[in-house]
Amino acid sequence: MMLSALTVAVGAGLAFSQAPIEPAPAGPAAAPAQKVVRFLGRVESVDADANTITLKSPRGESKTFTIPSGVKIMAGEAVIAIGELKVGVQVAVRLDNAGTVQAVAVLMHRHHRHEGNGAEKSGAARANP
């Protein structure tokens, strides 16, 4: 009799464990990870009326970007207008998954050039011929 009671209990346990298990409700669904895309290039042209800039990458690829009205163009700590971008300046553009511009930054590079007549300055004295 004990054996049959144990069999019934084990059988009931197996039946219970085979019931479909509902997953525990999770918190808010996680948004898919945003892939950050950057494009680096020198400004080839600016159309302030159309809010577009055309950049040329170091590899020679030219690409035109529309800058949405809420996107700030940063030059160091300052926010500048699209019309203030100059041809030849190096710029980084950050895009979202859909290719929409999220940020624009002017890359500041300090060049140590000698001003004046173009001659290099050195510590050595030069003799006059």
N, C-alpha and C. Protein backbone atom coordinates (compact mmCIF):
# COMPACT_ATOMS: atom_id res chain seq x y z
N MET A 1 0.82 -1.18 0.00
CA MET A 1 0.00 0.00 0.00
C MET A 1 0.86 1.24 0.00
N MET A 2 1.97 1.20 0.77
CA MET A 2 2.88 2.34 0.81
C MET A 2 3.46 2.60 -0.55
N LEU A 3 3.78 1.53 -1.24
CA LEU A 3 4.38 1.67 -2.55
C LEU A 3 3.43 2.34 -3.52
N SER A 4 2.16 2.00 -3.48
CA SER A 4 1.20 2.62 -4.40
C SER A 4 0.98 4.08 -4.03
N ALA A 5 1.02 4.44 -2.75
CA ALA A 5 0.86 5.84 -2.34
C ALA A 5 2.06 6.64 -2.83
N LEU A 6 3.25 6.05 -2.73
CA LEU A 6 4.46 6.71 -3.18
C LEU A 6 4.43 6.88 -4.69
N THR A 7 3.97 5.90 -5.41
CA THR A 7 3.87 5.96 -6.85
C THR A 7 2.90 7.06 -7.26
N VAL A 8 1.77 7.16 -6.58
CA VAL A 8 0.80 8.20 -6.88
C VAL A 8 1.40 9.57 -6.61
N ALA A 9 2.13 9.72 -5.50
CA ALA A 9 2.72 11.00 -5.15
C ALA A 9 3.79 11.39 -6.17
N VAL A 10 4.63 10.44 -6.56
CA VAL A 10 5.67 10.72 -7.55
C VAL A 10 5.02 11.02 -8.89
N GLY A 11 4.00 10.27 -9.25
CA GLY A 11 3.31 10.50 -10.51
C GLY A 11 2.67 11.87 -10.54
N ALA A 12 2.09 12.29 -9.43
CA ALA A 12 1.49 13.61 -9.36
C ALA A 12 2.56 14.69 -9.47
N GLY A 13 3.74 14.43 -8.86
CA GLY A 13 4.84 15.39 -8.94
C GLY A 13 5.34 15.54 -10.36
N LEU A 14 5.44 14.45 -11.09
CA LEU A 14 5.88 14.52 -12.47
C LEU A 14 4.88 15.26 -13.33
N ALA A 15 3.61 15.00 -13.07
CA ALA A 15 2.59 15.70 -13.85
C ALA A 15 2.67 17.20 -13.59
N PHE A 16 2.96 17.57 -12.34
CA PHE A 16 3.05 18.98 -11.99
C PHE A 16 4.26 19.63 -12.67
N SER A 17 5.40 18.91 -12.70
CA SER A 17 6.60 19.50 -13.26
C SER A 17 6.54 19.61 -14.78
N GLN A 18 5.63 18.88 -15.41
CA GLN A 18 5.52 18.97 -16.85
C GLN A 18 4.55 20.05 -17.31
N ALA A 19 3.90 20.69 -16.38
CA ALA A 19 2.97 21.76 -16.75
C ALA A 19 3.78 22.91 -17.35
N PRO A 20 3.22 23.62 -18.30
CA PRO A 20 3.96 24.73 -18.90
C PRO A 20 4.34 25.75 -17.84
N ILE A 21 5.55 26.22 -17.93
CA ILE A 21 6.05 27.20 -16.97
C ILE A 21 5.97 28.57 -17.61
N GLU A 22 5.28 29.44 -16.97
CA GLU A 22 5.17 30.82 -17.46
C GLU A 22 6.39 31.59 -16.98
N PRO A 23 7.05 32.32 -17.87
CA PRO A 23 8.20 33.09 -17.42
C PRO A 23 7.75 34.21 -16.50
N ALA A 24 8.61 34.51 -15.56
CA ALA A 24 8.30 35.61 -14.64
C ALA A 24 8.25 36.90 -15.43
N PRO A 25 7.29 37.76 -15.11
CA PRO A 25 7.22 39.01 -15.86
C PRO A 25 8.50 39.82 -15.64
N ALA A 26 9.06 40.25 -16.73
CA ALA A 26 10.29 41.04 -16.67
C ALA A 26 9.92 42.50 -16.51
N GLY A 27 10.91 43.29 -16.15
CA GLY A 27 10.71 44.74 -16.06
C GLY A 27 10.47 45.28 -17.46
N PRO A 28 10.56 46.57 -17.61
CA PRO A 28 10.34 47.15 -18.94
C PRO A 28 11.32 46.55 -19.94
N ALA A 29 10.83 46.31 -21.13
CA ALA A 29 11.67 45.70 -22.15
C ALA A 29 12.86 46.60 -22.45
N ALA A 30 14.01 46.00 -22.49
CA ALA A 30 15.22 46.78 -22.77
C ALA A 30 15.22 47.21 -24.23
N ALA A 31 15.57 48.45 -24.45
CA ALA A 31 15.65 48.96 -25.82
C ALA A 31 16.86 48.34 -26.49
N PRO A 32 16.77 48.11 -27.79
CA PRO A 32 17.93 47.56 -28.47
C PRO A 32 19.10 48.53 -28.35
N ALA A 33 20.28 47.97 -28.24
CA ALA A 33 21.47 48.81 -28.07
C ALA A 33 21.64 49.70 -29.29
N GLN A 34 21.92 50.96 -29.03
CA GLN A 34 22.16 51.90 -30.11
C GLN A 34 23.58 51.72 -30.63
N LYS A 35 23.71 51.56 -31.90
CA LYS A 35 25.01 51.46 -32.52
C LYS A 35 25.44 52.88 -32.87
N VAL A 36 26.56 53.30 -32.33
CA VAL A 36 27.05 54.64 -32.61
C VAL A 36 27.91 54.59 -33.86
N VAL A 37 27.56 55.43 -34.81
CA VAL A 37 28.31 55.52 -36.05
C VAL A 37 28.91 56.92 -36.11
N ARG A 38 30.18 56.98 -36.43
CA ARG A 38 30.84 58.28 -36.57
C ARG A 38 31.40 58.41 -37.97
N PHE A 39 31.37 59.63 -38.44
CA PHE A 39 31.98 59.94 -39.73
C PHE A 39 32.90 61.12 -39.50
N LEU A 40 34.16 60.93 -39.84
CA LEU A 40 35.14 61.99 -39.71
C LEU A 40 35.50 62.50 -41.10
N GLY A 41 35.61 63.80 -41.23
CA GLY A 41 36.01 64.34 -42.52
C GLY A 41 36.21 65.83 -42.47
N ARG A 42 36.73 66.34 -43.56
CA ARG A 42 36.92 67.79 -43.71
C ARG A 42 35.72 68.36 -44.44
N VAL A 43 35.31 69.55 -44.03
CA VAL A 43 34.15 70.21 -44.62
C VAL A 43 34.50 70.59 -46.06
N GLU A 44 33.69 70.11 -47.00
CA GLU A 44 33.83 70.47 -48.41
C GLU A 44 32.88 71.60 -48.77
N SER A 45 31.67 71.54 -48.18
CA SER A 45 30.70 72.60 -48.44
C SER A 45 29.68 72.67 -47.32
N VAL A 46 29.08 73.85 -47.19
CA VAL A 46 28.05 74.11 -46.19
C VAL A 46 26.89 74.79 -46.88
N ASP A 47 25.68 74.29 -46.67
CA ASP A 47 24.47 74.94 -47.17
C ASP A 47 23.60 75.25 -45.96
N ALA A 48 23.76 76.45 -45.42
CA ALA A 48 23.04 76.83 -44.20
C ALA A 48 21.53 76.87 -44.43
N ASP A 49 21.09 77.23 -45.64
CA ASP A 49 19.65 77.28 -45.92
C ASP A 49 19.02 75.90 -45.89
N ALA A 50 19.75 74.89 -46.38
CA ALA A 50 19.24 73.52 -46.41
C ALA A 50 19.66 72.73 -45.17
N ASN A 51 20.46 73.34 -44.29
CA ASN A 51 20.98 72.68 -43.08
C ASN A 51 21.78 71.43 -43.43
N THR A 52 22.63 71.52 -44.46
CA THR A 52 23.45 70.37 -44.84
C THR A 52 24.92 70.75 -44.86
N ILE A 53 25.73 69.74 -44.58
CA ILE A 53 27.18 69.87 -44.73
C ILE A 53 27.66 68.67 -45.52
N THR A 54 28.67 68.89 -46.35
CA THR A 54 29.29 67.79 -47.09
C THR A 54 30.71 67.65 -46.57
N LEU A 55 31.03 66.42 -46.16
CA LEU A 55 32.34 66.10 -45.62
C LEU A 55 33.06 65.14 -46.54
N LYS A 56 34.38 65.23 -46.55
CA LYS A 56 35.21 64.28 -47.29
C LYS A 56 36.09 63.57 -46.30
N SER A 57 35.98 62.24 -46.25
CA SER A 57 36.75 61.42 -45.31
C SER A 57 38.21 61.35 -45.74
N PRO A 58 39.09 60.93 -44.85
CA PRO A 58 40.49 60.74 -45.22
C PRO A 58 40.68 59.73 -46.36
N ARG A 59 39.72 58.85 -46.54
CA ARG A 59 39.77 57.85 -47.63
C ARG A 59 39.22 58.39 -48.94
N GLY A 60 38.74 59.64 -48.93
CA GLY A 60 38.25 60.25 -50.15
C GLY A 60 36.76 60.14 -50.37
N GLU A 61 36.04 59.56 -49.44
CA GLU A 61 34.59 59.40 -49.55
C GLU A 61 33.90 60.71 -49.16
N SER A 62 33.07 61.25 -50.05
CA SER A 62 32.29 62.45 -49.75
C SER A 62 30.88 62.05 -49.35
N LYS A 63 30.38 62.71 -48.33
CA LYS A 63 29.05 62.38 -47.83
C LYS A 63 28.39 63.66 -47.36
N THR A 64 27.10 63.81 -47.69
CA THR A 64 26.33 64.99 -47.28
C THR A 64 25.41 64.60 -46.14
N PHE A 65 25.39 65.43 -45.09
CA PHE A 65 24.58 65.20 -43.91
C PHE A 65 23.62 66.35 -43.70
N THR A 66 22.37 66.00 -43.39
CA THR A 66 21.39 67.01 -42.98
C THR A 66 21.46 67.12 -41.47
N ILE A 67 21.60 68.34 -40.99
CA ILE A 67 21.71 68.58 -39.56
C ILE A 67 20.33 68.98 -39.03
N PRO A 68 19.69 68.12 -38.22
CA PRO A 68 18.37 68.46 -37.67
C PRO A 68 18.45 69.74 -36.82
N SER A 69 17.34 70.45 -36.74
CA SER A 69 17.32 71.75 -36.07
C SER A 69 17.74 71.70 -34.61
N GLY A 70 17.51 70.62 -33.89
CA GLY A 70 17.86 70.57 -32.47
C GLY A 70 19.30 70.14 -32.18
N VAL A 71 20.04 69.76 -33.21
CA VAL A 71 21.40 69.27 -33.02
C VAL A 71 22.37 70.45 -32.90
N LYS A 72 23.19 70.42 -31.85
CA LYS A 72 24.18 71.47 -31.63
C LYS A 72 25.46 71.13 -32.37
N ILE A 73 26.07 72.15 -32.92
CA ILE A 73 27.38 72.00 -33.54
C ILE A 73 28.37 72.60 -32.55
N MET A 74 29.25 71.75 -32.04
CA MET A 74 30.18 72.18 -30.99
C MET A 74 31.56 72.46 -31.59
N ALA A 75 32.11 73.59 -31.19
CA ALA A 75 33.49 73.96 -31.53
C ALA A 75 34.17 74.23 -30.20
N GLY A 76 34.81 73.20 -29.67
CA GLY A 76 35.34 73.31 -28.31
C GLY A 76 34.17 73.35 -27.35
N GLU A 77 34.10 74.38 -26.53
CA GLU A 77 33.02 74.53 -25.57
C GLU A 77 31.86 75.36 -26.13
N ALA A 78 32.06 75.95 -27.29
CA ALA A 78 31.07 76.87 -27.87
C ALA A 78 30.14 76.15 -28.83
N VAL A 79 28.90 76.58 -28.83
CA VAL A 79 27.92 76.12 -29.82
C VAL A 79 27.95 77.13 -30.96
N ILE A 80 28.11 76.62 -32.19
CA ILE A 80 28.15 77.52 -33.34
C ILE A 80 27.01 77.19 -34.30
N ALA A 81 26.68 78.15 -35.13
CA ALA A 81 25.65 77.96 -36.16
C ALA A 81 26.27 77.23 -37.35
N ILE A 82 25.44 76.56 -38.11
CA ILE A 82 25.93 75.80 -39.26
C ILE A 82 26.67 76.71 -40.24
N GLY A 83 26.22 77.94 -40.38
CA GLY A 83 26.87 78.89 -41.29
C GLY A 83 28.26 79.30 -40.86
N GLU A 84 28.62 79.01 -39.61
CA GLU A 84 29.95 79.35 -39.11
C GLU A 84 30.99 78.27 -39.42
N LEU A 85 30.54 77.11 -39.91
CA LEU A 85 31.50 76.07 -40.31
C LEU A 85 32.25 76.55 -41.53
N LYS A 86 33.55 76.34 -41.53
CA LYS A 86 34.40 76.76 -42.64
C LYS A 86 34.88 75.56 -43.44
N VAL A 87 34.99 75.74 -44.75
CA VAL A 87 35.51 74.71 -45.63
C VAL A 87 36.93 74.38 -45.18
N GLY A 88 37.24 73.09 -45.11
CA GLY A 88 38.56 72.63 -44.75
C GLY A 88 38.70 72.22 -43.29
N VAL A 89 37.75 72.62 -42.45
CA VAL A 89 37.80 72.27 -41.03
C VAL A 89 37.45 70.80 -40.87
N GLN A 90 38.15 70.13 -39.96
CA GLN A 90 37.85 68.72 -39.70
C GLN A 90 36.70 68.62 -38.72
N VAL A 91 35.73 67.75 -39.03
CA VAL A 91 34.50 67.61 -38.25
C VAL A 91 34.22 66.13 -38.01
N ALA A 92 33.64 65.85 -36.84
CA ALA A 92 33.16 64.51 -36.52
C ALA A 92 31.64 64.59 -36.41
N VAL A 93 30.96 63.68 -37.08
CA VAL A 93 29.50 63.61 -37.04
C VAL A 93 29.13 62.28 -36.39
N ARG A 94 28.22 62.31 -35.41
CA ARG A 94 27.73 61.09 -34.76
C ARG A 94 26.31 60.84 -35.25
N LEU A 95 26.05 59.59 -35.67
CA LEU A 95 24.75 59.20 -36.24
C LEU A 95 24.13 58.10 -35.40
N ASP A 96 22.79 58.03 -35.41
CA ASP A 96 22.11 56.91 -34.75
C ASP A 96 21.94 55.77 -35.74
N ASN A 97 21.23 54.71 -35.32
CA ASN A 97 21.02 53.53 -36.17
C ASN A 97 20.34 53.87 -37.49
N ALA A 98 19.47 54.86 -37.48
CA ALA A 98 18.72 55.23 -38.68
C ALA A 98 19.52 56.15 -39.60
N GLY A 99 20.71 56.59 -39.15
CA GLY A 99 21.52 57.49 -39.96
C GLY A 99 21.22 58.96 -39.72
N THR A 100 20.45 59.25 -38.67
CA THR A 100 20.13 60.64 -38.34
C THR A 100 21.27 61.23 -37.53
N VAL A 101 21.67 62.45 -37.88
CA VAL A 101 22.75 63.12 -37.16
C VAL A 101 22.30 63.42 -35.75
N GLN A 102 23.13 63.02 -34.78
CA GLN A 102 22.86 63.27 -33.36
C GLN A 102 23.77 64.34 -32.78
N ALA A 103 24.96 64.49 -33.32
CA ALA A 103 25.92 65.47 -32.81
C ALA A 103 26.93 65.80 -33.89
N VAL A 104 27.44 67.04 -33.83
CA VAL A 104 28.49 67.49 -34.73
C VAL A 104 29.53 68.19 -33.88
N ALA A 105 30.80 67.85 -34.09
CA ALA A 105 31.87 68.49 -33.33
C ALA A 105 32.99 68.89 -34.28
N VAL A 106 33.42 70.14 -34.16
CA VAL A 106 34.59 70.61 -34.89
C VAL A 106 35.80 70.12 -34.12
N LEU A 107 36.70 69.45 -34.80
CA LEU A 107 37.89 68.92 -34.14
C LEU A 107 38.97 69.99 -34.16
N MET A 108 39.39 70.37 -32.99
CA MET A 108 40.39 71.43 -32.86
C MET A 108 41.78 70.81 -32.81
N HIS A 109 42.62 71.23 -33.70
CA HIS A 109 44.01 70.78 -33.70
C HIS A 109 44.88 72.01 -33.61
N ARG A 110 45.81 71.98 -32.71
CA ARG A 110 46.74 73.10 -32.58
C ARG A 110 47.98 72.76 -33.37
N HIS A 111 48.27 73.62 -34.31
CA HIS A 111 49.48 73.44 -35.12
C HIS A 111 50.52 74.41 -34.62
N HIS A 112 51.71 73.93 -34.44
CA HIS A 112 52.81 74.78 -34.00
C HIS A 112 53.61 75.15 -35.24
N ARG A 113 53.21 76.25 -35.85
CA ARG A 113 53.91 76.72 -37.04
C ARG A 113 54.62 78.00 -36.70
N HIS A 114 55.69 78.23 -37.37
CA HIS A 114 56.42 79.47 -37.19
C HIS A 114 55.85 80.50 -38.15
N GLU A 115 55.48 81.62 -37.63
CA GLU A 115 54.94 82.69 -38.46
C GLU A 115 56.09 83.54 -38.99
N GLY A 116 55.80 84.29 -39.96
CA GLY A 116 56.82 85.20 -40.48
C GLY A 116 57.14 84.88 -41.93
N ASN A 117 58.43 84.86 -42.27
CA ASN A 117 58.81 84.70 -43.66
C ASN A 117 58.83 83.25 -44.12
N GLY A 118 58.46 82.33 -43.28
CA GLY A 118 58.41 80.93 -43.67
C GLY A 118 59.70 80.19 -43.39
N ALA A 119 60.74 80.91 -43.00
CA ALA A 119 62.01 80.25 -42.70
C ALA A 119 61.90 79.56 -41.35
N GLU A 120 62.51 78.39 -41.25
CA GLU A 120 62.51 77.69 -39.97
C GLU A 120 63.43 78.41 -39.02
N LYS A 121 63.03 78.44 -37.79
CA LYS A 121 63.86 79.06 -36.78
C LYS A 121 64.61 77.97 -36.04
N SER A 122 65.86 78.21 -35.79
CA SER A 122 66.63 77.25 -35.02
C SER A 122 67.53 78.00 -34.07
N GLY A 123 68.12 77.30 -33.16
CA GLY A 123 69.02 77.91 -32.19
C GLY A 123 70.40 78.16 -32.77
N ALA A 124 70.72 77.57 -33.91
CA ALA A 124 72.05 77.73 -34.49
C ALA A 124 72.15 79.06 -35.22
N ALA A 125 73.31 79.73 -35.06
CA ALA A 125 73.55 80.99 -35.76
C ALA A 125 73.88 80.68 -37.20
N ARG A 126 73.42 81.53 -38.10
CA ARG A 126 73.70 81.33 -39.52
C ARG A 126 74.72 82.35 -39.97
N ALA A 127 75.61 81.90 -40.76
CA ALA A 127 76.61 82.81 -41.31
C ALA A 127 76.06 83.45 -42.57
N ASN A 128 76.36 84.71 -42.78
CA ASN A 128 75.94 85.40 -44.01
C ASN A 128 76.92 85.05 -45.12
N PRO A 129 76.42 84.69 -46.29
CA PRO A 129 77.33 84.33 -47.39
C PRO A 129 78.06 85.52 -47.94
